[in-house]
Amino acid sequence: MISTIEKEIVSLLEHGDKKAINLLYENYADALYGVIKKIITDDDTAQDVLQESFVKIWRYSKKYDATKAKLFTWLYRIAYNTAIDKVRSLKTKSDNEIQIETSSVYKITSNELNQDVLDIKKHLNTLDEKYQIVLHALFFEGMTQQEASEELDIPLGTIKSRLKIGLRELKKIYSP
């Protein structure tokens, strides 16, 4: 059986009356906080999730359908899902943090670098100028083939051919 306070809250929600959020908070905040605390142990984070839950409740208030679920069940699902989303986002955030201490980026020794490749610009200068221009645009200017074609006013097919020939010539230098 639906209580009179629940009927009043549902009616206020249907009409978008802001009094509904106050009544919801007064009557359900403690129970919803308990639901959230079972998932999130940190008090501050749990309080944030409770607040986010009430924002979602208000945002979706017109979607509540009393024929599909009791008010508390609907509130429970929103709070529960918000808490789960928070846990996932915190986990993702911590997984994505960069661990500088364990990074090997700054630990490359000169022995690990291919010394032949470091002088690629010198070897590039040994090619015909038409190949140099295309390779420079694509690799050192960062252009796409289409952008190089437009910038250099050379047909796209010619760009592709000169790229292929230029790379083949460089390969002869690096892999004799």
N, C-alpha and C. Protein backbone atom coordinates (compact mmCIF):
# COMPACT_ATOMS: atom_id res chain seq x y z
N MET A 1 0.83 -1.17 0.00
CA MET A 1 0.00 0.00 0.00
C MET A 1 0.89 1.25 0.00
N ILE A 2 0.52 2.21 -0.81
CA ILE A 2 1.30 3.44 -0.95
C ILE A 2 0.92 4.41 0.16
N SER A 3 1.95 4.95 0.81
CA SER A 3 1.71 5.92 1.89
C SER A 3 1.28 7.26 1.29
N THR A 4 0.67 8.08 2.12
CA THR A 4 0.20 9.39 1.65
C THR A 4 1.38 10.29 1.26
N ILE A 5 2.49 10.17 1.99
CA ILE A 5 3.65 10.99 1.66
C ILE A 5 4.22 10.59 0.29
N GLU A 6 4.20 9.26 0.03
CA GLU A 6 4.69 8.78 -1.27
C GLU A 6 3.78 9.27 -2.39
N LYS A 7 2.45 9.24 -2.17
CA LYS A 7 1.50 9.75 -3.17
C LYS A 7 1.76 11.23 -3.43
N GLU A 8 2.01 11.96 -2.35
CA GLU A 8 2.25 13.40 -2.49
C GLU A 8 3.54 13.65 -3.29
N ILE A 9 4.58 12.89 -2.98
CA ILE A 9 5.86 13.05 -3.69
C ILE A 9 5.69 12.72 -5.17
N VAL A 10 5.01 11.63 -5.47
CA VAL A 10 4.79 11.23 -6.86
C VAL A 10 4.01 12.31 -7.61
N SER A 11 3.00 12.84 -6.97
CA SER A 11 2.21 13.91 -7.59
C SER A 11 3.07 15.15 -7.85
N LEU A 12 3.88 15.51 -6.88
CA LEU A 12 4.76 16.67 -7.05
C LEU A 12 5.79 16.42 -8.16
N LEU A 13 6.32 15.20 -8.23
CA LEU A 13 7.27 14.86 -9.29
C LEU A 13 6.62 14.98 -10.67
N GLU A 14 5.40 14.47 -10.78
CA GLU A 14 4.69 14.51 -12.06
C GLU A 14 4.49 15.94 -12.54
N HIS A 15 4.30 16.86 -11.60
CA HIS A 15 4.05 18.26 -11.95
C HIS A 15 5.33 19.09 -11.96
N GLY A 16 6.47 18.46 -11.69
CA GLY A 16 7.74 19.18 -11.70
C GLY A 16 7.87 20.19 -10.56
N ASP A 17 7.19 19.93 -9.47
CA ASP A 17 7.22 20.84 -8.32
C ASP A 17 8.49 20.59 -7.51
N LYS A 18 9.22 21.66 -7.23
CA LYS A 18 10.50 21.54 -6.52
C LYS A 18 10.34 21.10 -5.06
N LYS A 19 9.15 21.15 -4.54
CA LYS A 19 8.92 20.66 -3.17
C LYS A 19 9.20 19.16 -3.09
N ALA A 20 9.04 18.48 -4.22
CA ALA A 20 9.24 17.02 -4.27
C ALA A 20 10.66 16.66 -3.84
N ILE A 21 11.64 17.42 -4.28
CA ILE A 21 13.02 17.08 -3.97
C ILE A 21 13.29 17.20 -2.48
N ASN A 22 12.69 18.21 -1.85
CA ASN A 22 12.84 18.37 -0.39
C ASN A 22 12.21 17.19 0.35
N LEU A 23 11.02 16.81 -0.07
CA LEU A 23 10.34 15.68 0.57
C LEU A 23 11.11 14.37 0.33
N LEU A 24 11.62 14.22 -0.88
CA LEU A 24 12.42 13.03 -1.17
C LEU A 24 13.63 12.97 -0.26
N TYR A 25 14.31 14.09 -0.12
CA TYR A 25 15.52 14.12 0.70
C TYR A 25 15.19 13.82 2.17
N GLU A 26 14.14 14.45 2.66
CA GLU A 26 13.75 14.25 4.07
C GLU A 26 13.38 12.80 4.34
N ASN A 27 12.71 12.15 3.40
CA ASN A 27 12.17 10.82 3.63
C ASN A 27 13.06 9.67 3.15
N TYR A 28 13.96 9.94 2.20
CA TYR A 28 14.71 8.83 1.61
C TYR A 28 16.23 8.98 1.63
N ALA A 29 16.75 10.14 2.00
CA ALA A 29 18.20 10.37 1.95
C ALA A 29 18.98 9.36 2.79
N ASP A 30 18.51 9.10 4.01
CA ASP A 30 19.24 8.18 4.88
C ASP A 30 19.28 6.77 4.30
N ALA A 31 18.15 6.32 3.78
CA ALA A 31 18.09 4.96 3.20
C ALA A 31 18.98 4.87 1.96
N LEU A 32 18.94 5.89 1.12
CA LEU A 32 19.75 5.88 -0.09
C LEU A 32 21.25 6.00 0.23
N TYR A 33 21.56 6.77 1.26
CA TYR A 33 22.95 6.88 1.70
C TYR A 33 23.45 5.50 2.17
N GLY A 34 22.59 4.77 2.84
CA GLY A 34 22.95 3.42 3.27
C GLY A 34 23.24 2.51 2.10
N VAL A 35 22.44 2.63 1.04
CA VAL A 35 22.65 1.84 -0.18
C VAL A 35 24.01 2.18 -0.78
N ILE A 36 24.29 3.47 -0.85
CA ILE A 36 25.54 3.94 -1.44
C ILE A 36 26.75 3.50 -0.61
N LYS A 37 26.62 3.58 0.72
CA LYS A 37 27.73 3.23 1.62
C LYS A 37 28.10 1.74 1.52
N LYS A 38 27.17 0.90 1.10
CA LYS A 38 27.49 -0.51 0.91
C LYS A 38 28.44 -0.70 -0.27
N ILE A 39 28.45 0.28 -1.18
CA ILE A 39 29.27 0.19 -2.38
C ILE A 39 30.53 1.05 -2.25
N ILE A 40 30.36 2.23 -1.65
CA ILE A 40 31.46 3.19 -1.51
C ILE A 40 31.70 3.44 -0.03
N THR A 41 32.88 3.10 0.44
CA THR A 41 33.17 3.23 1.87
C THR A 41 33.59 4.63 2.28
N ASP A 42 34.18 5.40 1.35
CA ASP A 42 34.63 6.76 1.67
C ASP A 42 33.42 7.67 1.86
N ASP A 43 33.35 8.32 3.04
CA ASP A 43 32.19 9.16 3.37
C ASP A 43 32.00 10.33 2.41
N ASP A 44 33.10 11.03 2.09
CA ASP A 44 32.98 12.19 1.20
C ASP A 44 32.49 11.78 -0.19
N THR A 45 33.04 10.70 -0.70
CA THR A 45 32.62 10.22 -2.02
C THR A 45 31.18 9.75 -1.97
N ALA A 46 30.79 9.08 -0.89
CA ALA A 46 29.41 8.61 -0.75
C ALA A 46 28.45 9.80 -0.70
N GLN A 47 28.84 10.87 0.00
CA GLN A 47 28.00 12.09 0.04
C GLN A 47 27.86 12.70 -1.36
N ASP A 48 28.97 12.71 -2.11
CA ASP A 48 28.92 13.23 -3.48
C ASP A 48 27.98 12.40 -4.34
N VAL A 49 28.06 11.09 -4.18
CA VAL A 49 27.20 10.20 -4.96
C VAL A 49 25.73 10.40 -4.58
N LEU A 50 25.47 10.61 -3.30
CA LEU A 50 24.10 10.87 -2.86
C LEU A 50 23.58 12.14 -3.54
N GLN A 51 24.41 13.17 -3.56
CA GLN A 51 24.00 14.42 -4.21
C GLN A 51 23.78 14.20 -5.71
N GLU A 52 24.70 13.49 -6.37
CA GLU A 52 24.54 13.18 -7.79
C GLU A 52 23.24 12.40 -8.03
N SER A 53 22.94 11.49 -7.09
CA SER A 53 21.72 10.69 -7.22
C SER A 53 20.48 11.57 -7.19
N PHE A 54 20.47 12.53 -6.27
CA PHE A 54 19.31 13.42 -6.20
C PHE A 54 19.20 14.32 -7.41
N VAL A 55 20.31 14.70 -7.97
CA VAL A 55 20.27 15.48 -9.22
C VAL A 55 19.66 14.64 -10.32
N LYS A 56 20.08 13.37 -10.42
CA LYS A 56 19.51 12.48 -11.43
C LYS A 56 18.03 12.22 -11.18
N ILE A 57 17.68 12.04 -9.92
CA ILE A 57 16.27 11.81 -9.58
C ILE A 57 15.44 12.99 -10.07
N TRP A 58 15.92 14.18 -9.83
CA TRP A 58 15.17 15.37 -10.26
C TRP A 58 15.13 15.45 -11.79
N ARG A 59 16.27 15.17 -12.42
CA ARG A 59 16.35 15.25 -13.88
C ARG A 59 15.40 14.25 -14.55
N TYR A 60 15.29 13.05 -13.97
CA TYR A 60 14.46 12.01 -14.57
C TYR A 60 13.08 11.90 -13.91
N SER A 61 12.72 12.86 -13.09
CA SER A 61 11.48 12.77 -12.32
C SER A 61 10.24 12.58 -13.18
N LYS A 62 10.22 13.17 -14.35
CA LYS A 62 9.05 13.04 -15.22
C LYS A 62 8.97 11.64 -15.85
N LYS A 63 10.06 10.89 -15.80
CA LYS A 63 10.08 9.54 -16.37
C LYS A 63 9.60 8.49 -15.37
N TYR A 64 9.45 8.86 -14.11
CA TYR A 64 9.01 7.88 -13.11
C TYR A 64 7.61 7.41 -13.45
N ASP A 65 7.43 6.09 -13.45
CA ASP A 65 6.13 5.49 -13.74
C ASP A 65 5.75 4.59 -12.56
N ALA A 66 4.76 5.01 -11.81
CA ALA A 66 4.33 4.28 -10.61
C ALA A 66 3.79 2.89 -10.94
N THR A 67 3.39 2.68 -12.19
CA THR A 67 2.88 1.35 -12.56
C THR A 67 4.01 0.35 -12.78
N LYS A 68 5.22 0.83 -12.98
CA LYS A 68 6.35 -0.05 -13.23
C LYS A 68 7.13 -0.39 -11.97
N ALA A 69 7.22 0.56 -11.04
CA ALA A 69 8.01 0.32 -9.83
C ALA A 69 7.53 1.23 -8.71
N LYS A 70 7.73 0.76 -7.50
CA LYS A 70 7.44 1.60 -6.34
C LYS A 70 8.46 2.73 -6.32
N LEU A 71 8.12 3.82 -5.67
CA LEU A 71 8.98 4.99 -5.63
C LEU A 71 10.36 4.63 -5.05
N PHE A 72 10.38 3.91 -3.93
CA PHE A 72 11.66 3.59 -3.32
C PHE A 72 12.51 2.72 -4.23
N THR A 73 11.89 1.80 -4.94
CA THR A 73 12.64 0.93 -5.85
C THR A 73 13.30 1.75 -6.95
N TRP A 74 12.55 2.71 -7.47
CA TRP A 74 13.08 3.60 -8.51
C TRP A 74 14.25 4.44 -7.95
N LEU A 75 14.07 4.99 -6.76
CA LEU A 75 15.12 5.79 -6.12
C LEU A 75 16.35 4.92 -5.83
N TYR A 76 16.10 3.72 -5.35
CA TYR A 76 17.17 2.77 -5.03
C TYR A 76 18.01 2.50 -6.27
N ARG A 77 17.36 2.21 -7.40
CA ARG A 77 18.08 1.89 -8.64
C ARG A 77 18.96 3.05 -9.08
N ILE A 78 18.44 4.26 -8.98
CA ILE A 78 19.21 5.43 -9.39
C ILE A 78 20.44 5.58 -8.49
N ALA A 79 20.24 5.49 -7.17
CA ALA A 79 21.36 5.64 -6.23
C ALA A 79 22.37 4.52 -6.41
N TYR A 80 21.89 3.30 -6.55
CA TYR A 80 22.78 2.14 -6.74
C TYR A 80 23.61 2.28 -8.01
N ASN A 81 22.94 2.61 -9.12
CA ASN A 81 23.65 2.74 -10.40
C ASN A 81 24.63 3.91 -10.38
N THR A 82 24.28 4.98 -9.71
CA THR A 82 25.18 6.13 -9.60
C THR A 82 26.42 5.74 -8.81
N ALA A 83 26.24 4.98 -7.75
CA ALA A 83 27.38 4.52 -6.95
C ALA A 83 28.28 3.60 -7.76
N ILE A 84 27.68 2.67 -8.50
CA ILE A 84 28.46 1.75 -9.34
C ILE A 84 29.22 2.54 -10.40
N ASP A 85 28.57 3.52 -11.02
CA ASP A 85 29.23 4.34 -12.03
C ASP A 85 30.42 5.08 -11.43
N LYS A 86 30.26 5.57 -10.21
CA LYS A 86 31.35 6.30 -9.54
C LYS A 86 32.54 5.36 -9.28
N VAL A 87 32.26 4.16 -8.81
CA VAL A 87 33.32 3.19 -8.57
C VAL A 87 34.07 2.89 -9.87
N ARG A 88 33.33 2.69 -10.94
CA ARG A 88 33.95 2.41 -12.24
C ARG A 88 34.79 3.58 -12.71
N SER A 89 34.28 4.79 -12.57
CA SER A 89 35.03 5.96 -13.03
C SER A 89 36.29 6.16 -12.20
N LEU A 90 36.21 5.91 -10.90
CA LEU A 90 37.40 6.04 -10.06
C LEU A 90 38.43 4.98 -10.41
N LYS A 91 37.95 3.77 -10.70
CA LYS A 91 38.86 2.69 -11.09
C LYS A 91 39.53 3.02 -12.42
N THR A 92 38.76 3.49 -13.38
CA THR A 92 39.30 3.85 -14.68
C THR A 92 40.31 4.98 -14.54
N LYS A 93 39.99 5.96 -13.72
CA LYS A 93 40.88 7.10 -13.52
C LYS A 93 42.21 6.63 -12.92
N SER A 94 42.14 5.75 -11.93
CA SER A 94 43.38 5.29 -11.31
C SER A 94 44.15 4.38 -12.26
N ASP A 95 43.45 3.62 -13.10
CA ASP A 95 44.13 2.76 -14.08
C ASP A 95 44.85 3.58 -15.14
N ASN A 96 44.31 4.77 -15.45
CA ASN A 96 44.87 5.58 -16.51
C ASN A 96 45.96 6.53 -16.04
N GLU A 97 46.21 6.60 -14.75
CA GLU A 97 47.25 7.49 -14.26
C GLU A 97 48.61 7.00 -14.73
N ILE A 98 49.45 7.94 -15.09
CA ILE A 98 50.78 7.60 -15.58
C ILE A 98 51.70 7.37 -14.40
N GLN A 99 52.41 6.28 -14.44
CA GLN A 99 53.35 5.93 -13.38
C GLN A 99 54.75 6.28 -13.87
N ILE A 100 55.19 7.49 -13.59
CA ILE A 100 56.50 7.95 -14.05
C ILE A 100 57.62 7.09 -13.47
N GLU A 101 57.49 6.69 -12.21
CA GLU A 101 58.55 5.92 -11.55
C GLU A 101 58.84 4.62 -12.28
N THR A 102 57.82 4.00 -12.86
CA THR A 102 58.02 2.71 -13.51
C THR A 102 58.11 2.82 -15.02
N SER A 103 58.14 4.04 -15.54
CA SER A 103 58.19 4.24 -16.98
C SER A 103 59.60 3.99 -17.50
N SER A 104 59.70 3.43 -18.68
CA SER A 104 61.00 3.21 -19.30
C SER A 104 61.27 4.23 -20.39
N VAL A 105 60.40 5.21 -20.53
CA VAL A 105 60.54 6.20 -21.59
C VAL A 105 61.86 6.95 -21.49
N TYR A 106 62.24 7.30 -20.27
CA TYR A 106 63.44 8.11 -20.09
C TYR A 106 64.69 7.26 -19.87
N LYS A 107 64.59 5.97 -20.04
CA LYS A 107 65.72 5.09 -19.75
C LYS A 107 66.32 4.47 -21.00
N ILE A 108 66.12 5.11 -22.15
CA ILE A 108 66.67 4.58 -23.39
C ILE A 108 68.16 4.93 -23.43
N THR A 109 68.96 3.94 -23.68
CA THR A 109 70.41 4.18 -23.77
C THR A 109 70.77 4.40 -25.23
N SER A 110 71.90 5.02 -25.47
CA SER A 110 72.32 5.29 -26.84
C SER A 110 72.57 3.99 -27.60
N ASN A 111 72.88 2.92 -26.90
CA ASN A 111 73.09 1.63 -27.56
C ASN A 111 71.80 1.07 -28.15
N GLU A 112 70.66 1.47 -27.57
CA GLU A 112 69.38 0.95 -28.04
C GLU A 112 68.87 1.70 -29.26
N LEU A 113 69.42 2.87 -29.55
CA LEU A 113 68.99 3.64 -30.70
C LEU A 113 69.75 3.18 -31.94
N ASN A 114 69.04 3.09 -33.06
CA ASN A 114 69.68 2.74 -34.31
C ASN A 114 70.36 4.00 -34.84
N GLN A 115 71.68 4.03 -34.75
CA GLN A 115 72.44 5.23 -35.12
C GLN A 115 72.27 5.58 -36.60
N ASP A 116 72.01 4.59 -37.43
CA ASP A 116 71.84 4.85 -38.86
C ASP A 116 70.59 5.67 -39.14
N VAL A 117 69.56 5.46 -38.35
CA VAL A 117 68.30 6.14 -38.58
C VAL A 117 68.37 7.61 -38.15
N LEU A 118 69.26 7.92 -37.22
CA LEU A 118 69.35 9.28 -36.73
C LEU A 118 69.78 10.26 -37.81
N ASP A 119 70.44 9.77 -38.84
CA ASP A 119 70.89 10.66 -39.90
C ASP A 119 70.01 10.56 -41.14
N ILE A 120 68.74 10.31 -40.95
CA ILE A 120 67.83 10.12 -42.07
C ILE A 120 67.72 11.37 -42.94
N LYS A 121 67.78 12.54 -42.32
CA LYS A 121 67.70 13.78 -43.11
C LYS A 121 68.90 13.90 -44.05
N LYS A 122 70.07 13.45 -43.57
CA LYS A 122 71.27 13.50 -44.41
C LYS A 122 71.08 12.58 -45.62
N HIS A 123 70.55 11.38 -45.38
CA HIS A 123 70.34 10.44 -46.48
C HIS A 123 69.19 10.89 -47.38
N LEU A 124 68.22 11.55 -46.82
CA LEU A 124 67.10 12.06 -47.61
C LEU A 124 67.62 13.05 -48.64
N ASN A 125 68.65 13.81 -48.29
CA ASN A 125 69.21 14.80 -49.21
C ASN A 125 69.93 14.17 -50.40
N THR A 126 70.20 12.87 -50.34
CA THR A 126 70.86 12.19 -51.47
C THR A 126 69.86 11.79 -52.55
N LEU A 127 68.56 11.87 -52.25
CA LEU A 127 67.52 11.51 -53.22
C LEU A 127 67.25 12.67 -54.17
N ASP A 128 66.59 12.37 -55.29
CA ASP A 128 66.15 13.43 -56.20
C ASP A 128 65.24 14.38 -55.44
N GLU A 129 65.26 15.63 -55.82
CA GLU A 129 64.50 16.66 -55.11
C GLU A 129 63.00 16.36 -55.10
N LYS A 130 62.47 15.81 -56.19
CA LYS A 130 61.03 15.53 -56.25
C LYS A 130 60.61 14.53 -55.17
N TYR A 131 61.50 13.58 -54.81
CA TYR A 131 61.20 12.62 -53.77
C TYR A 131 61.40 13.24 -52.38
N GLN A 132 62.45 14.07 -52.28
CA GLN A 132 62.73 14.75 -51.02
C GLN A 132 61.53 15.59 -50.58
N ILE A 133 60.97 16.34 -51.51
CA ILE A 133 59.86 17.24 -51.19
C ILE A 133 58.67 16.45 -50.65
N VAL A 134 58.34 15.34 -51.32
CA VAL A 134 57.20 14.53 -50.89
C VAL A 134 57.46 13.87 -49.53
N LEU A 135 58.63 13.27 -49.38
CA LEU A 135 58.95 12.60 -48.10
C LEU A 135 59.00 13.61 -46.96
N HIS A 136 59.56 14.77 -47.22
CA HIS A 136 59.64 15.80 -46.17
C HIS A 136 58.24 16.23 -45.75
N ALA A 137 57.36 16.45 -46.72
CA ALA A 137 56.00 16.88 -46.41
C ALA A 137 55.25 15.83 -45.60
N LEU A 138 55.41 14.57 -45.99
CA LEU A 138 54.66 13.49 -45.33
C LEU A 138 55.23 13.13 -43.96
N PHE A 139 56.56 13.08 -43.84
CA PHE A 139 57.14 12.58 -42.60
C PHE A 139 57.59 13.66 -41.63
N PHE A 140 58.05 14.78 -42.15
CA PHE A 140 58.55 15.81 -41.25
C PHE A 140 57.55 16.93 -41.02
N GLU A 141 56.65 17.15 -41.98
CA GLU A 141 55.61 18.16 -41.82
C GLU A 141 54.33 17.53 -41.26
N GLY A 142 54.23 16.20 -41.31
CA GLY A 142 53.07 15.50 -40.76
C GLY A 142 51.83 15.59 -41.62
N MET A 143 51.99 15.87 -42.89
CA MET A 143 50.83 15.99 -43.78
C MET A 143 50.33 14.61 -44.20
N THR A 144 49.05 14.55 -44.51
CA THR A 144 48.52 13.33 -45.13
C THR A 144 48.87 13.40 -46.61
N GLN A 145 48.67 12.32 -47.32
CA GLN A 145 48.97 12.33 -48.76
C GLN A 145 48.08 13.35 -49.48
N GLN A 146 46.81 13.42 -49.07
CA GLN A 146 45.89 14.37 -49.68
C GLN A 146 46.33 15.81 -49.42
N GLU A 147 46.73 16.10 -48.17
CA GLU A 147 47.19 17.44 -47.81
C GLU A 147 48.46 17.81 -48.59
N ALA A 148 49.38 16.86 -48.72
CA ALA A 148 50.61 17.10 -49.47
C ALA A 148 50.28 17.39 -50.94
N SER A 149 49.33 16.66 -51.48
CA SER A 149 48.92 16.86 -52.86
C SER A 149 48.39 18.28 -53.06
N GLU A 150 47.55 18.72 -52.15
CA GLU A 150 46.98 20.07 -52.25
C GLU A 150 48.04 21.15 -52.00
N GLU A 151 48.87 20.96 -50.97
CA GLU A 151 49.88 21.95 -50.60
C GLU A 151 50.95 22.11 -51.67
N LEU A 152 51.39 20.97 -52.23
CA LEU A 152 52.47 21.00 -53.22
C LEU A 152 51.95 21.15 -54.65
N ASP A 153 50.64 21.13 -54.80
CA ASP A 153 50.00 21.22 -56.11
C ASP A 153 50.52 20.12 -57.05
N ILE A 154 50.52 18.91 -56.50
CA ILE A 154 50.95 17.72 -57.24
C ILE A 154 49.78 16.73 -57.16
N PRO A 155 49.44 16.07 -58.26
CA PRO A 155 48.33 15.10 -58.23
C PRO A 155 48.57 14.01 -57.17
N LEU A 156 47.49 13.54 -56.55
CA LEU A 156 47.58 12.56 -55.48
C LEU A 156 48.30 11.29 -55.93
N GLY A 157 48.02 10.83 -57.14
CA GLY A 157 48.68 9.63 -57.67
C GLY A 157 50.19 9.81 -57.76
N THR A 158 50.61 11.02 -58.12
CA THR A 158 52.05 11.31 -58.22
C THR A 158 52.67 11.32 -56.83
N ILE A 159 51.95 11.87 -55.84
CA ILE A 159 52.43 11.86 -54.45
C ILE A 159 52.68 10.42 -54.01
N LYS A 160 51.72 9.55 -54.28
CA LYS A 160 51.84 8.15 -53.88
C LYS A 160 53.01 7.46 -54.58
N SER A 161 53.18 7.74 -55.86
CA SER A 161 54.28 7.13 -56.61
C SER A 161 55.63 7.61 -56.09
N ARG A 162 55.74 8.92 -55.87
CA ARG A 162 57.01 9.47 -55.39
C ARG A 162 57.32 8.97 -53.97
N LEU A 163 56.29 8.79 -53.15
CA LEU A 163 56.49 8.23 -51.82
C LEU A 163 57.05 6.82 -51.92
N LYS A 164 56.43 6.02 -52.75
CA LYS A 164 56.86 4.63 -52.91
C LYS A 164 58.29 4.55 -53.42
N ILE A 165 58.61 5.34 -54.45
CA ILE A 165 59.95 5.32 -55.02
C ILE A 165 60.97 5.87 -54.02
N GLY A 166 60.61 6.97 -53.34
CA GLY A 166 61.50 7.57 -52.35
C GLY A 166 61.82 6.61 -51.22
N LEU A 167 60.82 5.91 -50.73
CA LEU A 167 61.04 4.93 -49.66
C LEU A 167 61.89 3.76 -50.15
N ARG A 168 61.66 3.36 -51.38
CA ARG A 168 62.46 2.26 -51.95
C ARG A 168 63.93 2.68 -52.05
N GLU A 169 64.17 3.92 -52.43
CA GLU A 169 65.55 4.42 -52.53
C GLU A 169 66.20 4.49 -51.15
N LEU A 170 65.45 4.95 -50.14
CA LEU A 170 65.98 5.00 -48.77
C LEU A 170 66.26 3.60 -48.27
N LYS A 171 65.41 2.65 -48.63
CA LYS A 171 65.63 1.27 -48.20
C LYS A 171 66.94 0.73 -48.73
N LYS A 172 67.30 1.13 -49.93
CA LYS A 172 68.58 0.70 -50.50
C LYS A 172 69.74 1.22 -49.67
N ILE A 173 69.59 2.42 -49.11
CA ILE A 173 70.64 3.01 -48.29
C ILE A 173 70.76 2.29 -46.95
N TYR A 174 69.60 2.00 -46.33
CA TYR A 174 69.60 1.41 -45.00
C TYR A 174 69.71 -0.09 -44.99
N SER A 175 69.33 -0.74 -46.07
CA SER A 175 69.43 -2.20 -46.14
C SER A 175 70.12 -2.58 -47.45
N PRO A 176 71.43 -2.33 -47.54
CA PRO A 176 72.12 -2.61 -48.80
C PRO A 176 72.19 -4.10 -49.10
